[in-house]
Every structure is written in C-alpha cells, then in structure tokens.
PDB file of N, CA and C in Angstrom:
ATOM      1  N   MET A   1      23.352   6.148  -1.012  1.00  0.00           N
ATOM      2  CA  MET A   1      22.909   7.463  -2.010  1.00  0.00           C
ATOM      3  C   MET A   1      21.933   8.087  -1.017  1.00  0.00           C
ATOM      4  N   SER A   2      21.652   9.153  -0.955  1.00  0.00           N
ATOM      5  CA  SER A   2      20.438   9.701  -0.372  1.00  0.00           C
ATOM      6  C   SER A   2      19.313   9.847  -1.518  1.00  0.00           C
ATOM      7  N   THR A   3      18.232  10.069  -1.199  1.00  0.00           N
ATOM      8  CA  THR A   3      17.223  10.403  -1.940  1.00  0.00           C
ATOM      9  C   THR A   3      17.410  11.519  -2.888  1.00  0.00           C
ATOM     10  N   ILE A   4      17.674  12.492  -2.390  1.00  0.00           N
ATOM     11  CA  ILE A   4      17.840  13.829  -3.438  1.00  0.00           C
ATOM     12  C   ILE A   4      18.819  13.183  -4.461  1.00  0.00           C
ATOM     13  N   GLU A   5      20.090  12.714  -4.200  1.00  0.00           N
ATOM     14  CA  GLU A   5      21.126  12.171  -4.958  1.00  0.00           C
ATOM     15  C   GLU A   5      20.665  11.125  -6.111  1.00  0.00           C
ATOM     16  N   LEU A   6      19.605  10.296  -5.435  1.00  0.00           N
ATOM     17  CA  LEU A   6      18.909   9.402  -6.461  1.00  0.00           C
ATOM     18  C   LEU A   6      18.190  10.218  -7.397  1.00  0.00           C
ATOM     19  N   ARG A   7      17.668  11.056  -7.028  1.00  0.00           N
ATOM     20  CA  ARG A   7      16.495  11.754  -7.943  1.00  0.00           C
ATOM     21  C   ARG A   7      17.513  12.510  -8.977  1.00  0.00           C
ATOM     22  N   GLU A   8      18.354  13.481  -8.336  1.00  0.00           N
ATOM     23  CA  GLU A   8      19.151  14.037  -9.375  1.00  0.00           C
ATOM     24  C   GLU A   8      19.954  13.268 -10.547  1.00  0.00           C
ATOM     25  N   SER A   9      20.504  11.825 -10.109  1.00  0.00           N
ATOM     26  CA  SER A   9      20.865  10.973 -11.123  1.00  0.00           C
ATOM     27  C   SER A   9      20.036  10.496 -11.928  1.00  0.00           C
ATOM     28  N   ILE A  10      18.514  10.308 -11.574  1.00  0.00           N
ATOM     29  CA  ILE A  10      17.628   9.819 -12.439  1.00  0.00           C
ATOM     30  C   ILE A  10      17.339  10.797 -13.213  1.00  0.00           C
ATOM     31  N   HIS A  11      17.180  12.125 -12.901  1.00  0.00           N
ATOM     32  CA  HIS A  11      17.063  13.386 -13.734  1.00  0.00           C
ATOM     33  C   HIS A  11      18.042  13.260 -15.007  1.00  0.00           C
ATOM     34  N   ARG A  12      19.056  13.279 -14.287  1.00  0.00           N
ATOM     35  CA  ARG A  12      20.251  13.700 -15.573  1.00  0.00           C
ATOM     36  C   ARG A  12      20.334  12.359 -16.618  1.00  0.00           C
ATOM     37  N   PHE A  13      20.073  11.224 -16.205  1.00  0.00           N
ATOM     38  CA  PHE A  13      19.710  10.116 -16.977  1.00  0.00           C
ATOM     39  C   PHE A  13      18.615  10.260 -17.988  1.00  0.00           C
ATOM     40  N   ILE A  14      17.599  10.590 -17.400  1.00  0.00           N
ATOM     41  CA  ILE A  14      16.402  10.955 -18.329  1.00  0.00           C
ATOM     42  C   ILE A  14      16.559  11.650 -19.493  1.00  0.00           C
ATOM     43  N   ASP A  15      17.737  12.905 -18.637  1.00  0.00           N
ATOM     44  CA  ASP A  15      17.697  14.021 -19.985  1.00  0.00           C
ATOM     45  C   ASP A  15      18.302  13.407 -21.091  1.00  0.00           C
ATOM     46  N   VAL A  16      19.032  12.570 -21.034  1.00  0.00           N
ATOM     47  CA  VAL A  16      19.701  11.920 -22.206  1.00  0.00           C
ATOM     48  C   VAL A  16      19.514  10.443 -22.797  1.00  0.00           C
ATOM     49  N   ALA A  17      18.507  10.183 -22.149  1.00  0.00           N
ATOM     50  CA  ALA A  17      17.905   8.575 -22.469  1.00  0.00           C
ATOM     51  C   ALA A  17      17.384   8.634 -24.104  1.00  0.00           C
ATOM     52  N   ASP A  18      17.326   7.499 -24.531  1.00  0.00           N
ATOM     53  CA  ASP A  18      17.110   7.469 -25.469  1.00  0.00           C
ATOM     54  C   ASP A  18      15.243   6.936 -25.826  1.00  0.00           C
ATOM     55  N   ASP A  19      14.655   6.977 -26.748  1.00  0.00           N
ATOM     56  CA  ASP A  19      13.272   6.574 -26.644  1.00  0.00           C
ATOM     57  C   ASP A  19      13.094   5.152 -25.958  1.00  0.00           C
ATOM     58  N   ARG A  20      13.635   4.117 -26.425  1.00  0.00           N
ATOM     59  CA  ARG A  20      13.631   2.659 -25.674  1.00  0.00           C
ATOM     60  C   ARG A  20      13.528   2.885 -24.007  1.00  0.00           C
ATOM     61  N   ILE A  21      14.496   3.531 -23.633  1.00  0.00           N
ATOM     62  CA  ILE A  21      14.870   3.702 -22.061  1.00  0.00           C
ATOM     63  C   ILE A  21      13.505   4.612 -21.453  1.00  0.00           C
ATOM     64  N   LEU A  22      13.043   5.725 -22.085  1.00  0.00           N
ATOM     65  CA  LEU A  22      11.963   6.565 -21.652  1.00  0.00           C
ATOM     66  C   LEU A  22      10.804   5.495 -21.523  1.00  0.00           C
ATOM     67  N   ARG A  23      10.609   4.772 -22.704  1.00  0.00           N
ATOM     68  CA  ARG A  23       9.235   4.082 -22.564  1.00  0.00           C
ATOM     69  C   ARG A  23       9.259   2.734 -21.696  1.00  0.00           C
ATOM     70  N   ILE A  24      10.601   2.165 -21.091  1.00  0.00           N
ATOM     71  CA  ILE A  24      10.736   1.628 -20.249  1.00  0.00           C
ATOM     72  C   ILE A  24      10.135   2.147 -18.728  1.00  0.00           C
ATOM     73  N   ILE A  25      11.062   3.412 -18.724  1.00  0.00           N
ATOM     74  CA  ILE A  25      10.656   4.006 -17.331  1.00  0.00           C
ATOM     75  C   ILE A  25       8.970   4.542 -17.490  1.00  0.00           C
ATOM     76  N   HIS A  26       8.308   4.767 -18.514  1.00  0.00           N
ATOM     77  CA  HIS A  26       7.252   5.297 -18.468  1.00  0.00           C
ATOM     78  C   HIS A  26       6.457   3.981 -18.164  1.00  0.00           C
ATOM     79  N   ALA A  27       6.580   2.832 -18.922  1.00  0.00           N
ATOM     80  CA  ALA A  27       5.931   1.602 -18.171  1.00  0.00           C
ATOM     81  C   ALA A  27       5.975   1.459 -16.723  1.00  0.00           C
ATOM     82  N   ILE A  28       7.149   1.488 -16.232  1.00  0.00           N
ATOM     83  CA  ILE A  28       7.107   1.255 -14.537  1.00  0.00           C
ATOM     84  C   ILE A  28       6.202   2.403 -14.011  1.00  0.00           C
ATOM     85  N   ILE A  29       6.327   3.448 -14.348  1.00  0.00           N
ATOM     86  CA  ILE A  29       5.377   4.482 -13.757  1.00  0.00           C
ATOM     87  C   ILE A  29       3.873   4.000 -14.017  1.00  0.00           C
ATOM     88  N   GLU A  30       3.660   3.919 -15.192  1.00  0.00           N
ATOM     89  CA  GLU A  30       2.236   3.452 -15.224  1.00  0.00           C
ATOM     90  C   GLU A  30       1.802   2.000 -14.408  1.00  0.00           C
ATOM     91  N   SER A  31       2.705   1.112 -14.411  1.00  0.00           N
ATOM     92  CA  SER A  31       2.409   0.125 -13.429  1.00  0.00           C
ATOM     93  C   SER A  31       2.491   0.477 -11.751  1.00  0.00           C
ATOM     94  N   GLU A  32       3.211   1.230 -11.498  1.00  0.00           N
ATOM     95  CA  GLU A  32       2.906   2.081 -10.320  1.00  0.00           C
ATOM     96  C   GLU A  32       1.917   2.644  -9.891  1.00  0.00           C
ATOM     97  N   LYS A  33       1.150   3.231 -11.052  1.00  0.00           N
ATOM     98  CA  LYS A  33      -0.036   4.008 -10.752  1.00  0.00           C
ATOM     99  C   LYS A  33      -1.171   3.029 -10.526  1.00  0.00           C
ATOM    100  N   LYS A  34      -0.882   2.114 -11.359  1.00  0.00           N
ATOM    101  CA  LYS A  34      -2.077   0.980 -11.202  1.00  0.00           C
ATOM    102  C   LYS A  34      -2.230   0.380  -9.863  1.00  0.00           C
ATOM    103  N   GLN A  35      -0.793   0.102  -9.453  1.00  0.00           N
ATOM    104  CA  GLN A  35      -0.707  -0.577  -8.047  1.00  0.00           C
ATOM    105  C   GLN A  35      -1.536   0.426  -6.755  1.00  0.00           C
ATOM    106  N   GLU A  36      -0.962   1.565  -7.088  1.00  0.00           N
ATOM    107  CA  GLU A  36      -1.690   2.422  -6.006  1.00  0.00           C
ATOM    108  C   GLU A  36      -3.310   2.406  -6.382  1.00  0.00           C
ATOM    109  N   GLN A  37      -3.733   2.497  -7.581  1.00  0.00           N
ATOM    110  CA  GLN A  37      -5.028   2.363  -7.815  1.00  0.00           C
ATOM    111  C   GLN A  37      -5.884   1.205  -6.905  1.00  0.00           C
ATOM    112  N   LYS A  38      -5.060   0.149  -7.008  1.00  0.00           N
ATOM    113  CA  LYS A  38      -5.558  -1.184  -6.530  1.00  0.00           C
ATOM    114  C   LYS A  38      -5.995  -1.154  -4.886  1.00  0.00           C
ATOM    115  N   SER A  39      -5.641  -0.028  -4.401  1.00  0.00           N
ATOM    116  CA  SER A  39      -5.558  -0.155  -2.859  1.00  0.00           C
ATOM    117  C   SER A  39      -7.089   0.176  -2.586  1.00  0.00           C
ATOM    118  N   ALA A  40      -7.370  -0.366  -1.433  1.00  0.00           N
ATOM    119  CA  ALA A  40      -8.797  -0.131  -0.888  1.00  0.00           C
ATOM    120  C   ALA A  40      -9.433   1.085  -1.147  1.00  0.00           C
ATOM    121  N   PRO A  41     -10.695   1.373  -1.465  1.00  0.00           N
ATOM    122  CA  PRO A  41     -11.420   2.969  -1.135  1.00  0.00           C
ATOM    123  C   PRO A  41     -11.319   3.480   0.204  1.00  0.00           C
ATOM    124  N   GLN A  42     -11.227   4.651   0.113  1.00  0.00           N
ATOM    125  CA  GLN A  42     -10.998   5.631   1.673  1.00  0.00           C
ATOM    126  C   GLN A  42     -12.139   5.205   2.604  1.00  0.00           C
ATOM    127  N   TRP A  43     -13.534   4.538   2.146  1.00  0.00           N
ATOM    128  CA  TRP A  43     -14.589   4.438   3.292  1.00  0.00           C
ATOM    129  C   TRP A  43     -14.039   3.221   3.885  1.00  0.00           C
ATOM    130  N   PHE A  44     -13.371   2.075   3.236  1.00  0.00           N
ATOM    131  CA  PHE A  44     -12.939   1.047   4.029  1.00  0.00           C
ATOM    132  C   PHE A  44     -12.097   1.351   4.789  1.00  0.00           C
ATOM    133  N   TYR A  45     -11.018   1.996   4.880  1.00  0.00           N
ATOM    134  CA  TYR A  45      -9.975   2.734   5.791  1.00  0.00           C
ATOM    135  C   TYR A  45     -10.732   3.332   6.876  1.00  0.00           C
ATOM    136  N   ASP A  46     -11.531   4.111   6.685  1.00  0.00           N
ATOM    137  CA  ASP A  46     -12.788   5.120   7.615  1.00  0.00           C
ATOM    138  C   ASP A  46     -13.295   4.092   8.412  1.00  0.00           C
ATOM    139  N   GLU A  47     -13.740   3.172   8.088  1.00  0.00           N
ATOM    140  CA  GLU A  47     -14.474   1.929   8.851  1.00  0.00           C
ATOM    141  C   GLU A  47     -13.675   1.240   9.737  1.00  0.00           C
ATOM    142  N   LEU A  48     -12.384   0.889   9.101  1.00  0.00           N
ATOM    143  CA  LEU A  48     -11.439  -0.117   9.814  1.00  0.00           C
ATOM    144  C   LEU A  48     -11.022   1.049  11.369  1.00  0.00           C
ATOM    145  N   ASP A  49     -10.935   2.505  10.923  1.00  0.00           N
ATOM    146  CA  ASP A  49     -10.488   3.222  11.851  1.00  0.00           C
ATOM    147  C   ASP A  49     -11.700   3.489  13.251  1.00  0.00           C
ATOM    148  N   LYS A  50     -13.048   3.356  12.725  1.00  0.00           N
ATOM    149  CA  LYS A  50     -14.029   3.273  13.544  1.00  0.00           C
ATOM    150  C   LYS A  50     -14.158   2.196  14.716  1.00  0.00           C
ATOM    151  N   ARG A  51     -13.866   0.723  13.951  1.00  0.00           N
ATOM    152  CA  ARG A  51     -13.938  -0.337  14.427  1.00  0.00           C
ATOM    153  C   ARG A  51     -12.726  -0.349  15.567  1.00  0.00           C
ATOM    154  N   ARG A  52     -11.432   0.153  15.017  1.00  0.00           N
ATOM    155  CA  ARG A  52     -10.463   0.032  15.869  1.00  0.00           C
ATOM    156  C   ARG A  52     -10.700   0.714  17.317  1.00  0.00           C
ATOM    157  N   GLU A  53     -11.308   2.183  17.010  1.00  0.00           N
ATOM    158  CA  GLU A  53     -11.611   3.178  17.837  1.00  0.00           C
ATOM    159  C   GLU A  53     -12.785   2.276  19.002  1.00  0.00           C
ATOM    160  N   ARG A  54     -13.621   1.603  18.411  1.00  0.00           N
ATOM    161  CA  ARG A  54     -14.520   0.695  19.548  1.00  0.00           C
ATOM    162  C   ARG A  54     -13.799  -0.345  20.163  1.00  0.00           C
ATOM    163  N   HIS A  55     -12.893  -1.110  19.464  1.00  0.00           N
ATOM    164  CA  HIS A  55     -11.877  -2.121  19.920  1.00  0.00           C
ATOM    165  C   HIS A  55     -11.379  -1.557  21.278  1.00  0.00           C
ATOM    166  N   LEU A  56     -10.724  -0.668  20.813  1.00  0.00           N
ATOM    167  CA  LEU A  56      -9.861   0.411  21.886  1.00  0.00           C
ATOM    168  C   LEU A  56     -10.535   0.651  23.460  1.00  0.00           C
ATOM    169  N   LYS A  57     -11.785   1.004  23.303  1.00  0.00           N
ATOM    170  CA  LYS A  57     -12.770   1.770  24.108  1.00  0.00           C
ATOM    171  C   LYS A  57     -13.294   0.474  24.665  1.00  0.00           C
ATOM    172  N   GLY A  58     -13.165  -0.681  24.385  1.00  0.00           N
ATOM    173  CA  GLY A  58     -13.831  -2.058  24.623  1.00  0.00           C
ATOM    174  C   GLY A  58     -15.069  -1.940  24.478  1.00  0.00           C
ATOM    175  N   GLU A  59     -15.987  -1.383  23.349  1.00  0.00           N
ATOM    176  CA  GLU A  59     -17.073  -1.203  22.921  1.00  0.00           C
ATOM    177  C   GLU A  59     -17.304  -2.442  22.088  1.00  0.00           C
ATOM    178  N   SER A  60     -16.595  -3.410  21.535  1.00  0.00           N
ATOM    179  CA  SER A  60     -16.765  -4.235  20.618  1.00  0.00           C
ATOM    180  C   SER A  60     -16.273  -5.454  20.949  1.00  0.00           C
ATOM    181  N   LYS A  61     -16.771  -6.896  20.978  1.00  0.00           N
ATOM    182  CA  LYS A  61     -16.349  -8.092  21.084  1.00  0.00           C
ATOM    183  C   LYS A  61     -15.103  -8.398  20.239  1.00  0.00           C
ATOM    184  N   SER A  62     -13.985  -8.803  20.801  1.00  0.00           N
ATOM    185  CA  SER A  62     -13.039  -9.467  19.980  1.00  0.00           C
ATOM    186  C   SER A  62     -12.467 -10.622  20.518  1.00  0.00           C
ATOM    187  N   SER A  63     -11.704 -11.198  19.796  1.00  0.00           N
ATOM    188  CA  SER A  63     -11.148 -12.500  19.988  1.00  0.00           C
ATOM    189  C   SER A  63      -9.619 -12.540  19.876  1.00  0.00           C
ATOM    190  N   THR A  64      -8.935 -13.319  20.294  1.00  0.00           N
ATOM    191  CA  THR A  64      -7.383 -13.668  20.187  1.00  0.00           C
ATOM    192  C   THR A  64      -7.353 -14.327  18.731  1.00  0.00           C
ATOM    193  N   TRP A  65      -6.413 -14.628  18.026  1.00  0.00           N
ATOM    194  CA  TRP A  65      -6.240 -15.532  16.984  1.00  0.00           C
ATOM    195  C   TRP A  65      -6.528 -16.899  17.468  1.00  0.00           C
ATOM    196  N   GLU A  66      -6.004 -17.502  18.590  1.00  0.00           N
ATOM    197  CA  GLU A  66      -5.998 -18.570  19.046  1.00  0.00           C
ATOM    198  C   GLU A  66      -7.859 -19.077  19.069  1.00  0.00           C
ATOM    199  N   GLU A  67      -8.128 -18.068  19.787  1.00  0.00           N
ATOM    200  CA  GLU A  67      -9.735 -18.231  20.024  1.00  0.00           C
ATOM    201  C   GLU A  67     -10.656 -18.435  18.591  1.00  0.00           C
ATOM    202  N   VAL A  68     -10.104 -17.815  17.722  1.00  0.00           N
ATOM    203  CA  VAL A  68     -10.702 -17.729  16.288  1.00  0.00           C
ATOM    204  C   VAL A  68     -10.630 -19.128  15.783  1.00  0.00           C
ATOM    205  N   LYS A  69      -9.147 -19.631  15.839  1.00  0.00           N
ATOM    206  CA  LYS A  69      -8.817 -20.869  15.396  1.00  0.00           C
ATOM    207  C   LYS A  69      -9.956 -22.104  16.173  1.00  0.00           C
ATOM    208  N   ASP A  70      -9.753 -22.120  17.157  1.00  0.00           N
ATOM    209  CA  ASP A  70     -10.438 -22.841  18.174  1.00  0.00           C
ATOM    210  C   ASP A  70     -11.652 -23.073  17.622  1.00  0.00           C
ATOM    211  N   ARG A  71     -12.557 -21.817  17.525  1.00  0.00           N
ATOM    212  CA  ARG A  71     -13.922 -21.803  16.993  1.00  0.00           C
ATOM    213  C   ARG A  71     -13.976 -22.408  15.638  1.00  0.00           C
ATOM    214  N   ILE A  72     -13.313 -22.174  14.677  1.00  0.00           N
ATOM    215  CA  ILE A  72     -13.329 -22.526  13.156  1.00  0.00           C
ATOM    216  C   ILE A  72     -13.010 -24.193  13.349  1.00  0.00           C
ATOM    217  N   LEU A  73     -11.986 -24.388  14.010  1.00  0.00           N
ATOM    218  CA  LEU A  73     -11.902 -25.881  13.970  1.00  0.00           C
ATOM    219  C   LEU A  73     -12.714 -26.735  14.627  1.00  0.00           C
ATOM    220  N   ASN A  74     -13.553 -26.317  15.663  1.00  0.00           N
ATOM    221  CA  ASN A  74     -14.505 -27.058  16.558  1.00  0.00           C
ATOM    222  C   ASN A  74     -15.896 -27.062  15.870  1.00  0.00           C
ATOM    223  N   ARG A  75     -16.120 -26.420  14.532  1.00  0.00           N
ATOM    224  CA  ARG A  75     -17.194 -26.539  14.071  1.00  0.00           C
ATOM    225  C   ARG A  75     -17.731 -27.801  13.474  1.00  0.00           C
TER     226      ARG A  75
END
C-alpha cells in the first residue's frame, strides 16, 4: 500500500471513527509530538556540522574507535 493510499484509508476511517478511537489516535499523535521535541536543539546540530567540517579538512585531531578504547583501558 502506498503512502497516498494509506493516508486516504486513514482519512476515511477517521471520518467515521467513534470518540474512543479518536482519543486513541489523538494520544498517538501527541506522543509523537513529544518524541520530536526531545531531539537535540538546533545549535547542537550546527556545532556537529562545524566539527565534522574541521575533521574532514584535517583541522582537528581525531582517533579511531580502537585508539579511544586503548586509551581508556590503559588509564
């Protein structure tokens, strides 16, 4: 079933759904909104982008996962 077909099917269902079903669907939507709000703020992603660019240009020091593990284990 395509996304368009799914949306149409859901719209038709909602048009005839009883109060209980509408409340359930509403709770799902609200839960999704809260999950989206829990993502990191935009400044965090901006900083990651800056650090990634510095890394790709060789302007920052980086380590492999193995090097990091070795440093931690050898402390």
